[in-house]
Every structure is written in structure tokens, then in C-alpha cells.
Amino acid sequence: MASNRKRLGLSAEDFGLLVGASGQSVYLWEKGETKPREKNLAAIAGLRGVGKREVAERLEALKQAS
């Protein structure tokens, strides 16, 4: 997960926003202290193979909606 987040150039906070979790949760997942819930796993899997441009567009839309 950390390698995918870094490949996309995302902070833990932004990655969390994209997958429906907090940045703190992302750090805990990456450290192996907790595991993502099923809904988060689906969102994480949905980011595989997605490019930086598309991720940036999704992130912008989420930030504008909140």
C-alpha cells in the first residue's frame, strides 16, 4: 500500500480521503498495526493501475465536495 501511495505522490491524508479513511488509519495500515476494513480494501484496490492525473482529479472533486 505504501508503495502505491508513494507512486501516486500522495500524502497519507490524501490517500485516506480517496479510500474513505483518515491519514492516521493509513499510517497504521502501512505499519501493520491495523488492517483496512472491507470497504477500504475495495477502494484501495480501485486505485491500482490509476495514474497520477486521474487521482489528482478524484482528489480535487472530493475536496470540493467537502
C-alpha atoms as a PDB file:
ATOM      1  CA  MET A   1       0.000   0.000   0.000  1.00  0.00           C
ATOM      2  CA  ALA A   2       2.777   2.441   0.898  1.00  0.00           C
ATOM      3  CA  SER A   3       4.480   1.877  -2.455  1.00  0.00           C
ATOM      4  CA  ASN A   4       1.239   2.592  -4.335  1.00  0.00           C
ATOM      5  CA  ARG A   5       0.645   5.736  -2.273  1.00  0.00           C
ATOM      6  CA  LYS A   6       4.179   6.944  -2.916  1.00  0.00           C
ATOM      7  CA  ARG A   7       3.947   6.064  -6.621  1.00  0.00           C
ATOM      8  CA  LEU A   8       0.948   8.361  -6.825  1.00  0.00           C
ATOM      9  CA  GLY A   9       2.740  11.073  -4.850  1.00  0.00           C
ATOM     10  CA  LEU A  10       0.052  11.195  -2.173  1.00  0.00           C
ATOM     11  CA  SER A  11       0.260  12.054   1.481  1.00  0.00           C
ATOM     12  CA  ALA A  12      -1.337   9.617   3.895  1.00  0.00           C
ATOM     13  CA  GLU A  13      -4.096  12.186   4.455  1.00  0.00           C
ATOM     14  CA  ASP A  14      -4.899  12.446   0.732  1.00  0.00           C
ATOM     15  CA  PHE A  15      -4.712   8.679   0.250  1.00  0.00           C
ATOM     16  CA  GLY A  16      -7.094   8.303   3.173  1.00  0.00           C
ATOM     17  CA  LEU A  17      -9.512  10.781   1.648  1.00  0.00           C
ATOM     18  CA  LEU A  18      -9.542   8.754  -1.567  1.00  0.00           C
ATOM     19  CA  VAL A  19     -10.228   5.458   0.214  1.00  0.00           C
ATOM     20  CA  GLY A  20     -12.618   6.730   2.883  1.00  0.00           C
ATOM     21  CA  ALA A  21     -10.305   6.737   5.891  1.00  0.00           C
ATOM     22  CA  SER A  22      -8.165   9.099   7.930  1.00  0.00           C
ATOM     23  CA  GLY A  23      -4.489   9.709   7.315  1.00  0.00           C
ATOM     24  CA  GLN A  24      -3.788   8.163  10.720  1.00  0.00           C
ATOM     25  CA  SER A  25      -5.534   4.962   9.637  1.00  0.00           C
ATOM     26  CA  VAL A  26      -3.364   4.833   6.524  1.00  0.00           C
ATOM     27  CA  TYR A  27      -0.202   5.112   8.649  1.00  0.00           C
ATOM     28  CA  LEU A  28      -1.426   2.342  10.950  1.00  0.00           C
ATOM     29  CA  TRP A  29      -2.214   0.095   7.973  1.00  0.00           C
ATOM     30  CA  GLU A  30       1.222   0.700   6.491  1.00  0.00           C
ATOM     31  CA  LYS A  31       2.905  -0.078   9.811  1.00  0.00           C
ATOM     32  CA  GLY A  32       0.896  -3.295  10.094  1.00  0.00           C
ATOM     33  CA  GLU A  33      -0.749  -2.237  13.350  1.00  0.00           C
ATOM     34  CA  THR A  34      -4.280  -2.416  11.946  1.00  0.00           C
ATOM     35  CA  LYS A  35      -5.919  -3.683   8.768  1.00  0.00           C
ATOM     36  CA  PRO A  36      -8.250  -1.822   6.416  1.00  0.00           C
ATOM     37  CA  ARG A  37     -11.949  -2.608   6.554  1.00  0.00           C
ATOM     38  CA  GLU A  38     -13.542  -4.356   3.613  1.00  0.00           C
ATOM     39  CA  LYS A  39     -14.950  -1.124   2.145  1.00  0.00           C
ATOM     40  CA  ASN A  40     -11.496   0.454   2.351  1.00  0.00           C
ATOM     41  CA  LEU A  41      -9.884  -2.575   0.713  1.00  0.00           C
ATOM     42  CA  ALA A  42     -12.178  -2.206  -2.280  1.00  0.00           C
ATOM     43  CA  ALA A  43     -11.281   1.481  -2.613  1.00  0.00           C
ATOM     44  CA  ILE A  44      -7.564   0.711  -2.257  1.00  0.00           C
ATOM     45  CA  ALA A  45      -7.808  -1.939  -4.977  1.00  0.00           C
ATOM     46  CA  GLY A  46      -9.604   0.600  -7.165  1.00  0.00           C
ATOM     47  CA  LEU A  47      -6.536   2.843  -7.098  1.00  0.00           C
ATOM     48  CA  ARG A  48      -4.240   0.206  -8.570  1.00  0.00           C
ATOM     49  CA  GLY A  49      -3.375   0.995 -12.137  1.00  0.00           C
ATOM     50  CA  VAL A  50      -4.743   4.537 -11.860  1.00  0.00           C
ATOM     51  CA  GLY A  51      -2.427   7.323 -12.942  1.00  0.00           C
ATOM     52  CA  LYS A  52      -1.432  10.477 -11.109  1.00  0.00           C
ATOM     53  CA  ARG A  53      -3.620  12.701 -13.268  1.00  0.00           C
ATOM     54  CA  GLU A  54      -6.790  10.714 -12.583  1.00  0.00           C
ATOM     55  CA  VAL A  55      -6.010  10.511  -8.864  1.00  0.00           C
ATOM     56  CA  ALA A  56      -5.484  14.276  -8.762  1.00  0.00           C
ATOM     57  CA  GLU A  57      -8.873  14.805 -10.440  1.00  0.00           C
ATOM     58  CA  ARG A  58     -10.631  12.464  -7.984  1.00  0.00           C
ATOM     59  CA  LEU A  59      -8.934  14.135  -5.051  1.00  0.00           C
ATOM     60  CA  GLU A  60      -9.887  17.610  -6.248  1.00  0.00           C
ATOM     61  CA  ALA A  61     -13.524  16.555  -6.655  1.00  0.00           C
ATOM     62  CA  LEU A  62     -13.584  15.092  -3.137  1.00  0.00           C
ATOM     63  CA  LYS A  63     -12.056  18.236  -1.641  1.00  0.00           C
ATOM     64  CA  GLN A  64     -14.565  20.470  -3.417  1.00  0.00           C
ATOM     65  CA  ALA A  65     -17.463  18.314  -2.242  1.00  0.00           C
ATOM     66  CA  SER A  66     -16.484  18.638   1.414  1.00  0.00           C
END
